Amino acid sequence: MRTNRIGTTVLAATTAALALSLAACGGANGSGDNASGSGTGRSVATADGAMDAERTTVVREATETTGTTETTGTAGTTGVSETSDSVRTPGSGAGKAAPAHIAKAQPCEGDEISYAVLHRFPAEQGEHLLITATNTDSRPCWVTSLPSVMLGDTPDVLPHSSKDAPGGADRITVEPGGKVYSAVALFTADGKTHTSTELSVALRDQTGDTGPGAGTDAFDGEGVPSVFTWSDADVTNWNTTKPYDF
């Protein structure tokens, strides 16, 4: 189709050129004087009109064939959307960010934490000191690893319990008024034993360094300082549930 229209255009152009040539010849031999040139003008106009019409047809058909259109002012405004990874919903998949107030939480320094120690199962199997840490601040903070604990007047920091569940490297965010728990398992055996009602508790950071310690008594279920005895002891990681809760 396009080849045929181009051939028609060439034919029209040739016809127009022939008309111009004949008009020029008529002017040269004087035969065109009585026509006053108006006929020549009509011939040229007719040829030009045919050429313009044909060009218009070719362009229109080419446009219809290729399906192209020209528009202005739409570039870059259609089919474009921007998404930001900075806005994410918690719990919607891997790599999703935590809520802003949790993401900005700082490590608990110790001043905002209060401790309560309950002596459970005295002189029985499973005897332990349940340590409850409460965030008394108005902002959340996080703890990790296990507390640094010394019993009585002994200078040694208790080791981590070999029977503890994994997860000590995790950060546990403690909301205002929230609680986390750890436990000191007490063991007695033949040989030298220690007795006290007191212990010292301190937080550790992710490098294992210990912050300032807080001294406290262990209490029984009636709120009375409770004497505990041990020859060996170890401590569990911080947890959101109570260790040895049986």
C-alpha atoms as a PDB file:
ATOM      1  CA  MET A   1       0.000   0.000   0.000  1.00  0.00           C
ATOM      2  CA  ARG A   2       2.709   2.457   0.917  1.00  0.00           C
ATOM      3  CA  THR A   3       4.677   1.725  -2.342  1.00  0.00           C
ATOM      4  CA  ASN A   4       1.607   2.401  -4.501  1.00  0.00           C
ATOM      5  CA  ARG A   5       0.990   5.766  -2.856  1.00  0.00           C
ATOM      6  CA  ILE A   6       4.603   6.805  -3.278  1.00  0.00           C
ATOM      7  CA  GLY A   7       4.318   5.889  -7.039  1.00  0.00           C
ATOM      8  CA  THR A   8       1.143   8.017  -7.349  1.00  0.00           C
ATOM      9  CA  THR A   9       2.936  10.938  -5.762  1.00  0.00           C
ATOM     10  CA  VAL A  10       5.788  10.659  -8.256  1.00  0.00           C
ATOM     11  CA  LEU A  11       3.281  10.547 -11.129  1.00  0.00           C
ATOM     12  CA  ALA A  12       1.534  13.669  -9.843  1.00  0.00           C
ATOM     13  CA  ALA A  13       4.840  15.438  -9.522  1.00  0.00           C
ATOM     14  CA  THR A  14       5.752  14.459 -13.093  1.00  0.00           C
ATOM     15  CA  THR A  15       2.382  15.707 -14.378  1.00  0.00           C
ATOM     16  CA  ALA A  16       2.899  19.009 -12.604  1.00  0.00           C
ATOM     17  CA  ALA A  17       6.339  19.408 -14.089  1.00  0.00           C
ATOM     18  CA  LEU A  18       4.957  18.672 -17.585  1.00  0.00           C
ATOM     19  CA  ALA A  19       2.240  21.278 -17.113  1.00  0.00           C
ATOM     20  CA  LEU A  20       4.812  23.861 -16.126  1.00  0.00           C
ATOM     21  CA  SER A  21       6.908  22.968 -19.176  1.00  0.00           C
ATOM     22  CA  LEU A  22       3.938  23.332 -21.546  1.00  0.00           C
ATOM     23  CA  ALA A  23       3.002  26.652 -19.986  1.00  0.00           C
ATOM     24  CA  ALA A  24       6.504  27.904 -20.459  1.00  0.00           C
ATOM     25  CA  CYS A  25       6.490  26.855 -24.095  1.00  0.00           C
ATOM     26  CA  GLY A  26       3.200  28.617 -24.719  1.00  0.00           C
ATOM     27  CA  GLY A  27       4.603  31.815 -23.298  1.00  0.00           C
ATOM     28  CA  ALA A  28       7.636  31.580 -25.541  1.00  0.00           C
ATOM     29  CA  ASN A  29       5.725  31.306 -28.871  1.00  0.00           C
ATOM     30  CA  GLY A  30       3.002  33.773 -27.896  1.00  0.00           C
ATOM     31  CA  SER A  31       0.156  31.263 -28.105  1.00  0.00           C
ATOM     32  CA  GLY A  32      -0.618  31.739 -24.448  1.00  0.00           C
ATOM     33  CA  ASP A  33      -1.047  35.546 -24.589  1.00  0.00           C
ATOM     34  CA  ASN A  34      -4.820  35.429 -25.272  1.00  0.00           C
ATOM     35  CA  ALA A  35      -5.240  33.180 -22.191  1.00  0.00           C
ATOM     36  CA  SER A  36      -3.730  36.065 -20.149  1.00  0.00           C
ATOM     37  CA  GLY A  37      -1.827  33.515 -18.037  1.00  0.00           C
ATOM     38  CA  SER A  38      -4.903  32.666 -15.981  1.00  0.00           C
ATOM     39  CA  GLY A  39      -5.110  29.178 -17.453  1.00  0.00           C
ATOM     40  CA  THR A  40      -1.487  28.568 -16.599  1.00  0.00           C
ATOM     41  CA  GLY A  41      -2.162  29.653 -13.067  1.00  0.00           C
ATOM     42  CA  ARG A  42      -5.071  27.256 -12.767  1.00  0.00           C
ATOM     43  CA  SER A  43      -2.928  24.395 -14.098  1.00  0.00           C
ATOM     44  CA  VAL A  44      -0.161  25.032 -11.559  1.00  0.00           C
ATOM     45  CA  ALA A  45      -2.617  25.374  -8.691  1.00  0.00           C
ATOM     46  CA  THR A  46      -4.313  22.124  -9.666  1.00  0.00           C
ATOM     47  CA  ALA A  47      -0.992  20.269  -9.761  1.00  0.00           C
ATOM     48  CA  ASP A  48       0.139  21.733  -6.432  1.00  0.00           C
ATOM     49  CA  GLY A  49      -3.174  20.856  -4.829  1.00  0.00           C
ATOM     50  CA  ALA A  50      -2.880  17.299  -6.072  1.00  0.00           C
ATOM     51  CA  MET A  51       0.611  17.039  -4.659  1.00  0.00           C
ATOM     52  CA  ASP A  52      -0.435  18.494  -1.270  1.00  0.00           C
ATOM     53  CA  ALA A  53      -3.436  16.203  -1.083  1.00  0.00           C
ATOM     54  CA  GLU A  54      -1.314  13.207  -1.928  1.00  0.00           C
ATOM     55  CA  ARG A  55       1.309  14.129   0.684  1.00  0.00           C
ATOM     56  CA  THR A  56      -1.431  14.504   3.281  1.00  0.00           C
ATOM     57  CA  THR A  57      -2.836  11.100   2.346  1.00  0.00           C
ATOM     58  CA  VAL A  58       0.585   9.445   2.555  1.00  0.00           C
ATOM     59  CA  VAL A  59       1.282  10.924   6.002  1.00  0.00           C
ATOM     60  CA  ARG A  60      -2.189   9.974   7.293  1.00  0.00           C
ATOM     61  CA  GLU A  61      -1.898   6.408   5.991  1.00  0.00           C
ATOM     62  CA  ALA A  62       1.615   6.052   7.384  1.00  0.00           C
ATOM     63  CA  THR A  63       0.292   7.148  10.751  1.00  0.00           C
ATOM     64  CA  GLU A  64      -2.564   4.652  10.597  1.00  0.00           C
ATOM     65  CA  THR A  65      -0.206   1.870   9.512  1.00  0.00           C
ATOM     66  CA  THR A  66       2.350   2.381  12.311  1.00  0.00           C
ATOM     67  CA  GLY A  67      -0.217   3.325  14.941  1.00  0.00           C
ATOM     68  CA  THR A  68       1.929   6.195  16.201  1.00  0.00           C
ATOM     69  CA  THR A  69       0.525   9.313  17.776  1.00  0.00           C
ATOM     70  CA  GLU A  70       2.113  12.458  19.028  1.00  0.00           C
ATOM     71  CA  THR A  71       1.241  13.798  22.414  1.00  0.00           C
ATOM     72  CA  THR A  72       2.781  16.527  24.477  1.00  0.00           C
ATOM     73  CA  GLY A  73       3.174  16.975  28.196  1.00  0.00           C
ATOM     74  CA  THR A  74       2.784  13.275  29.083  1.00  0.00           C
ATOM     75  CA  ALA A  75       6.372  12.082  29.120  1.00  0.00           C
ATOM     76  CA  GLY A  76       7.423  10.842  32.553  1.00  0.00           C
ATOM     77  CA  THR A  77       3.952  11.122  34.055  1.00  0.00           C
ATOM     78  CA  THR A  78       2.309   7.839  33.105  1.00  0.00           C
ATOM     79  CA  GLY A  79       3.172   4.434  34.574  1.00  0.00           C
ATOM     80  CA  VAL A  80       5.671   5.972  36.995  1.00  0.00           C
ATOM     81  CA  SER A  81       5.470   5.249  40.696  1.00  0.00           C
ATOM     82  CA  GLU A  82       7.980   5.695  43.462  1.00  0.00           C
ATOM     83  CA  THR A  83       8.147   3.476  46.499  1.00  0.00           C
ATOM     84  CA  SER A  84      10.244   3.974  49.581  1.00  0.00           C
ATOM     85  CA  ASP A  85      11.804   1.210  51.596  1.00  0.00           C
ATOM     86  CA  SER A  86      11.839   3.596  54.528  1.00  0.00           C
ATOM     87  CA  VAL A  87       8.119   2.943  55.165  1.00  0.00           C
ATOM     88  CA  ARG A  88       7.506  -0.623  56.127  1.00  0.00           C
ATOM     89  CA  THR A  89       4.962  -2.567  58.123  1.00  0.00           C
ATOM     90  CA  PRO A  90       6.267  -4.700  61.002  1.00  0.00           C
ATOM     91  CA  GLY A  91       5.630  -8.401  60.676  1.00  0.00           C
ATOM     92  CA  SER A  92       5.109  -8.325  56.902  1.00  0.00           C
ATOM     93  CA  GLY A  93       8.229 -10.223  55.872  1.00  0.00           C
ATOM     94  CA  ALA A  94      12.000 -10.608  56.107  1.00  0.00           C
ATOM     95  CA  GLY A  95      14.086  -7.441  56.274  1.00  0.00           C
ATOM     96  CA  LYS A  96      11.100  -5.345  57.448  1.00  0.00           C
ATOM     97  CA  ALA A  97      11.941  -2.623  59.852  1.00  0.00           C
ATOM     98  CA  ALA A  98      10.762  -2.508  63.475  1.00  0.00           C
ATOM     99  CA  PRO A  99       8.365   0.224  64.672  1.00  0.00           C
ATOM    100  CA  ALA A 100      10.105   3.588  64.927  1.00  0.00           C
ATOM    101  CA  HIS A 101      10.003   3.823  68.727  1.00  0.00           C
ATOM    102  CA  ILE A 102      11.584   0.351  68.987  1.00  0.00           C
ATOM    103  CA  ALA A 103      14.122   0.937  66.229  1.00  0.00           C
ATOM    104  CA  LYS A 104      15.314   4.063  68.094  1.00  0.00           C
ATOM    105  CA  ALA A 105      15.482   2.335  71.498  1.00  0.00           C
ATOM    106  CA  GLN A 106      18.808   2.684  73.295  1.00  0.00           C
ATOM    107  CA  PRO A 107      20.501   0.027  75.422  1.00  0.00           C
ATOM    108  CA  CYS A 108      19.320  -0.048  79.015  1.00  0.00           C
ATOM    109  CA  GLU A 109      22.005   1.672  81.090  1.00  0.00           C
ATOM    110  CA  GLY A 110      20.918   0.444  84.500  1.00  0.00           C
ATOM    111  CA  ASP A 111      19.523   3.632  86.038  1.00  0.00           C
ATOM    112  CA  GLU A 112      16.127   2.992  84.465  1.00  0.00           C
ATOM    113  CA  ILE A 113      16.009  -0.633  85.629  1.00  0.00           C
ATOM    114  CA  SER A 114      14.768  -1.855  88.988  1.00  0.00           C
ATOM    115  CA  TYR A 115      15.392  -5.400  90.211  1.00  0.00           C
ATOM    116  CA  ALA A 116      13.375  -7.785  92.319  1.00  0.00           C
ATOM    117  CA  VAL A 117      14.774 -11.170  93.388  1.00  0.00           C
ATOM    118  CA  LEU A 118      12.557 -14.034  94.546  1.00  0.00           C
ATOM    119  CA  HIS A 119      14.091 -17.045  96.298  1.00  0.00           C
ATOM    120  CA  ARG A 120      12.209 -20.057  94.989  1.00  0.00           C
ATOM    121  CA  PHE A 121      12.159 -23.650  96.295  1.00  0.00           C
ATOM    122  CA  PRO A 122      14.575 -23.095  99.207  1.00  0.00           C
ATOM    123  CA  ALA A 123      16.524 -26.261 100.075  1.00  0.00           C
ATOM    124  CA  GLU A 124      14.656 -28.165  97.349  1.00  0.00           C
ATOM    125  CA  GLN A 125      15.565 -29.494  93.942  1.00  0.00           C
ATOM    126  CA  GLY A 126      15.321 -26.678  91.430  1.00  0.00           C
ATOM    127  CA  GLU A 127      16.221 -24.015  93.994  1.00  0.00           C
ATOM    128  CA  HIS A 128      16.966 -20.720  92.265  1.00  0.00           C
ATOM    129  CA  LEU A 129      16.832 -16.948  92.509  1.00  0.00           C
ATOM    130  CA  LEU A 130      14.363 -15.456  90.027  1.00  0.00           C
ATOM    131  CA  ILE A 131      15.570 -12.009  88.910  1.00  0.00           C
ATOM    132  CA  THR A 132      12.904  -9.684  87.519  1.00  0.00           C
ATOM    133  CA  ALA A 133      14.119  -6.492  85.790  1.00  0.00           C
ATOM    134  CA  THR A 134      11.533  -3.744  85.213  1.00  0.00           C
ATOM    135  CA  ASN A 135      11.949  -0.699  82.968  1.00  0.00           C
ATOM    136  CA  THR A 136      10.900   2.250  85.147  1.00  0.00           C
ATOM    137  CA  ASP A 137      11.696   4.841  82.467  1.00  0.00           C
ATOM    138  CA  SER A 138       9.210   6.470  80.076  1.00  0.00           C
ATOM    139  CA  ARG A 139      11.107   5.201  77.032  1.00  0.00           C
ATOM    140  CA  PRO A 140      11.844   1.684  75.772  1.00  0.00           C
ATOM    141  CA  CYS A 141      15.342   0.284  76.042  1.00  0.00           C
ATOM    142  CA  TRP A 142      16.898  -3.061  75.245  1.00  0.00           C
ATOM    143  CA  VAL A 143      18.885  -5.696  77.106  1.00  0.00           C
ATOM    144  CA  THR A 144      20.970  -8.537  75.759  1.00  0.00           C
ATOM    145  CA  SER A 145      22.975 -11.523  76.911  1.00  0.00           C
ATOM    146  CA  LEU A 146      22.794 -12.393  80.614  1.00  0.00           C
ATOM    147  CA  PRO A 147      23.129 -10.289  83.740  1.00  0.00           C
ATOM    148  CA  SER A 148      26.430 -10.063  85.526  1.00  0.00           C
ATOM    149  CA  VAL A 149      25.720 -11.527  88.976  1.00  0.00           C
ATOM    150  CA  MET A 150      27.832 -11.856  92.122  1.00  0.00           C
ATOM    151  CA  LEU A 151      26.435 -13.618  95.186  1.00  0.00           C
ATOM    152  CA  GLY A 152      27.062 -12.421  98.730  1.00  0.00           C
ATOM    153  CA  ASP A 153      30.579 -11.190  99.282  1.00  0.00           C
ATOM    154  CA  THR A 154      32.187 -13.492  96.703  1.00  0.00           C
ATOM    155  CA  PRO A 155      34.230 -11.665  94.044  1.00  0.00           C
ATOM    156  CA  ASP A 156      33.470 -14.021  91.161  1.00  0.00           C
ATOM    157  CA  VAL A 157      30.905 -13.299  88.452  1.00  0.00           C
ATOM    158  CA  LEU A 158      28.660 -16.299  87.873  1.00  0.00           C
ATOM    159  CA  PRO A 159      29.090 -18.236  84.616  1.00  0.00           C
ATOM    160  CA  HIS A 160      26.396 -18.742  82.011  1.00  0.00           C
ATOM    161  CA  SER A 161      24.227 -21.810  82.501  1.00  0.00           C
ATOM    162  CA  SER A 162      25.207 -24.650  80.165  1.00  0.00           C
ATOM    163  CA  LYS A 163      21.558 -25.753  80.111  1.00  0.00           C
ATOM    164  CA  ASP A 164      20.239 -22.380  78.975  1.00  0.00           C
ATOM    165  CA  ALA A 165      18.326 -22.005  75.736  1.00  0.00           C
ATOM    166  CA  PRO A 166      20.100 -20.239  72.823  1.00  0.00           C
ATOM    167  CA  GLY A 167      19.396 -16.596  71.978  1.00  0.00           C
ATOM    168  CA  GLY A 168      21.711 -14.672  74.249  1.00  0.00           C
ATOM    169  CA  ALA A 169      22.928 -12.462  71.394  1.00  0.00           C
ATOM    170  CA  ASP A 170      19.414 -11.164  70.726  1.00  0.00           C
ATOM    171  CA  ARG A 171      18.241  -7.749  71.817  1.00  0.00           C
ATOM    172  CA  ILE A 172      15.129  -7.781  73.974  1.00  0.00           C
ATOM    173  CA  THR A 173      13.264  -4.471  73.920  1.00  0.00           C
ATOM    174  CA  VAL A 174      11.752  -3.607  77.284  1.00  0.00           C
ATOM    175  CA  GLU A 175       8.840  -1.193  77.013  1.00  0.00           C
ATOM    176  CA  PRO A 176       8.121   1.269  79.837  1.00  0.00           C
ATOM    177  CA  GLY A 177       6.787  -0.840  82.685  1.00  0.00           C
ATOM    178  CA  GLY A 178       7.859  -4.009  80.871  1.00  0.00           C
ATOM    179  CA  LYS A 179       9.748  -6.872  82.506  1.00  0.00           C
ATOM    180  CA  VAL A 180      12.437  -9.370  81.589  1.00  0.00           C
ATOM    181  CA  TYR A 181      13.664 -12.326  83.625  1.00  0.00           C
ATOM    182  CA  SER A 182      16.797 -14.250  84.465  1.00  0.00           C
ATOM    183  CA  ALA A 183      17.526 -16.914  87.072  1.00  0.00           C
ATOM    184  CA  VAL A 184      20.429 -18.007  89.237  1.00  0.00           C
ATOM    185  CA  ALA A 185      20.430 -21.762  89.721  1.00  0.00           C
ATOM    186  CA  LEU A 186      21.819 -22.724  93.155  1.00  0.00           C
ATOM    187  CA  PHE A 187      23.670 -25.985  93.785  1.00  0.00           C
ATOM    188  CA  THR A 188      25.032 -27.429  97.013  1.00  0.00           C
ATOM    189  CA  ALA A 189      27.523 -30.243  97.280  1.00  0.00           C
ATOM    190  CA  ASP A 190      29.958 -31.677  99.760  1.00  0.00           C
ATOM    191  CA  GLY A 191      32.635 -29.178 100.580  1.00  0.00           C
ATOM    192  CA  LYS A 192      32.682 -25.467 101.134  1.00  0.00           C
ATOM    193  CA  THR A 193      29.378 -23.615 100.893  1.00  0.00           C
ATOM    194  CA  HIS A 194      28.394 -19.947 101.000  1.00  0.00           C
ATOM    195  CA  THR A 195      25.412 -18.334 102.630  1.00  0.00           C
ATOM    196  CA  SER A 196      23.879 -14.899 102.039  1.00  0.00           C
ATOM    197  CA  THR A 197      20.698 -12.937 101.445  1.00  0.00           C
ATOM    198  CA  GLU A 198      22.389 -10.449  99.096  1.00  0.00           C
ATOM    199  CA  LEU A 199      23.522 -10.328  95.503  1.00  0.00           C
ATOM    200  CA  SER A 200      24.694  -7.785  92.957  1.00  0.00           C
ATOM    201  CA  VAL A 201      23.150  -7.517  89.464  1.00  0.00           C
ATOM    202  CA  ALA A 202      24.480  -5.575  86.467  1.00  0.00           C
ATOM    203  CA  LEU A 203      23.635  -5.376  82.771  1.00  0.00           C
ATOM    204  CA  ARG A 204      25.965  -6.401  79.967  1.00  0.00           C
ATOM    205  CA  ASP A 205      26.210  -4.817  76.526  1.00  0.00           C
ATOM    206  CA  GLN A 206      26.685  -6.671  73.245  1.00  0.00           C
ATOM    207  CA  THR A 207      30.445  -6.745  73.717  1.00  0.00           C
ATOM    208  CA  GLY A 208      30.065  -8.435  77.126  1.00  0.00           C
ATOM    209  CA  ASP A 209      31.131  -5.380  79.109  1.00  0.00           C
ATOM    210  CA  THR A 210      29.371  -4.904  82.431  1.00  0.00           C
ATOM    211  CA  GLY A 211      27.686  -1.730  83.557  1.00  0.00           C
ATOM    212  CA  PRO A 212      27.225  -0.501  87.137  1.00  0.00           C
ATOM    213  CA  GLY A 213      25.901  -3.098  89.544  1.00  0.00           C
ATOM    214  CA  ALA A 214      22.895  -2.814  91.831  1.00  0.00           C
ATOM    215  CA  GLY A 215      22.843  -4.560  95.191  1.00  0.00           C
ATOM    216  CA  THR A 216      19.624  -6.194  96.372  1.00  0.00           C
ATOM    217  CA  ASP A 217      18.340  -8.809  98.776  1.00  0.00           C
ATOM    218  CA  ALA A 218      16.632 -12.005  97.799  1.00  0.00           C
ATOM    219  CA  PHE A 219      13.114 -12.285  99.255  1.00  0.00           C
ATOM    220  CA  ASP A 220      10.780 -15.136  99.939  1.00  0.00           C
ATOM    221  CA  GLY A 221       7.154 -15.237  98.864  1.00  0.00           C
ATOM    222  CA  GLU A 222       6.167 -13.179 101.921  1.00  0.00           C
ATOM    223  CA  GLY A 223       8.508 -10.326 101.077  1.00  0.00           C
ATOM    224  CA  VAL A 224      11.009 -11.222 103.793  1.00  0.00           C
ATOM    225  CA  PRO A 225      14.770 -11.398 103.043  1.00  0.00           C
ATOM    226  CA  SER A 226      15.581 -15.044 102.422  1.00  0.00           C
ATOM    227  CA  VAL A 227      18.822 -16.829 103.217  1.00  0.00           C
ATOM    228  CA  PHE A 228      20.196 -18.953 100.367  1.00  0.00           C
ATOM    229  CA  THR A 229      23.094 -21.371 100.364  1.00  0.00           C
ATOM    230  CA  TRP A 230      25.268 -22.506  97.457  1.00  0.00           C
ATOM    231  CA  SER A 231      28.535 -24.180  96.643  1.00  0.00           C
ATOM    232  CA  ASP A 232      28.093 -23.600  92.908  1.00  0.00           C
ATOM    233  CA  ALA A 233      25.744 -21.437  90.821  1.00  0.00           C
ATOM    234  CA  ASP A 234      25.156 -20.254  87.267  1.00  0.00           C
ATOM    235  CA  VAL A 235      22.868 -17.773  85.518  1.00  0.00           C
ATOM    236  CA  THR A 236      20.572 -17.748  82.467  1.00  0.00           C
ATOM    237  CA  ASN A 237      20.125 -15.205  79.689  1.00  0.00           C
ATOM    238  CA  TRP A 238      17.491 -12.500  79.909  1.00  0.00           C
ATOM    239  CA  ASN A 239      14.148 -13.782  78.740  1.00  0.00           C
ATOM    240  CA  THR A 240      10.612 -12.536  78.319  1.00  0.00           C
ATOM    241  CA  THR A 241       9.329 -15.597  80.197  1.00  0.00           C
ATOM    242  CA  LYS A 242      10.337 -16.841  83.637  1.00  0.00           C
ATOM    243  CA  PRO A 243      13.092 -19.476  83.659  1.00  0.00           C
ATOM    244  CA  TYR A 244      12.487 -22.576  85.765  1.00  0.00           C
ATOM    245  CA  ASP A 245       8.825 -21.643  86.003  1.00  0.00           C
ATOM    246  CA  PHE A 246       7.598 -24.965  87.342  1.00  0.00           C
END
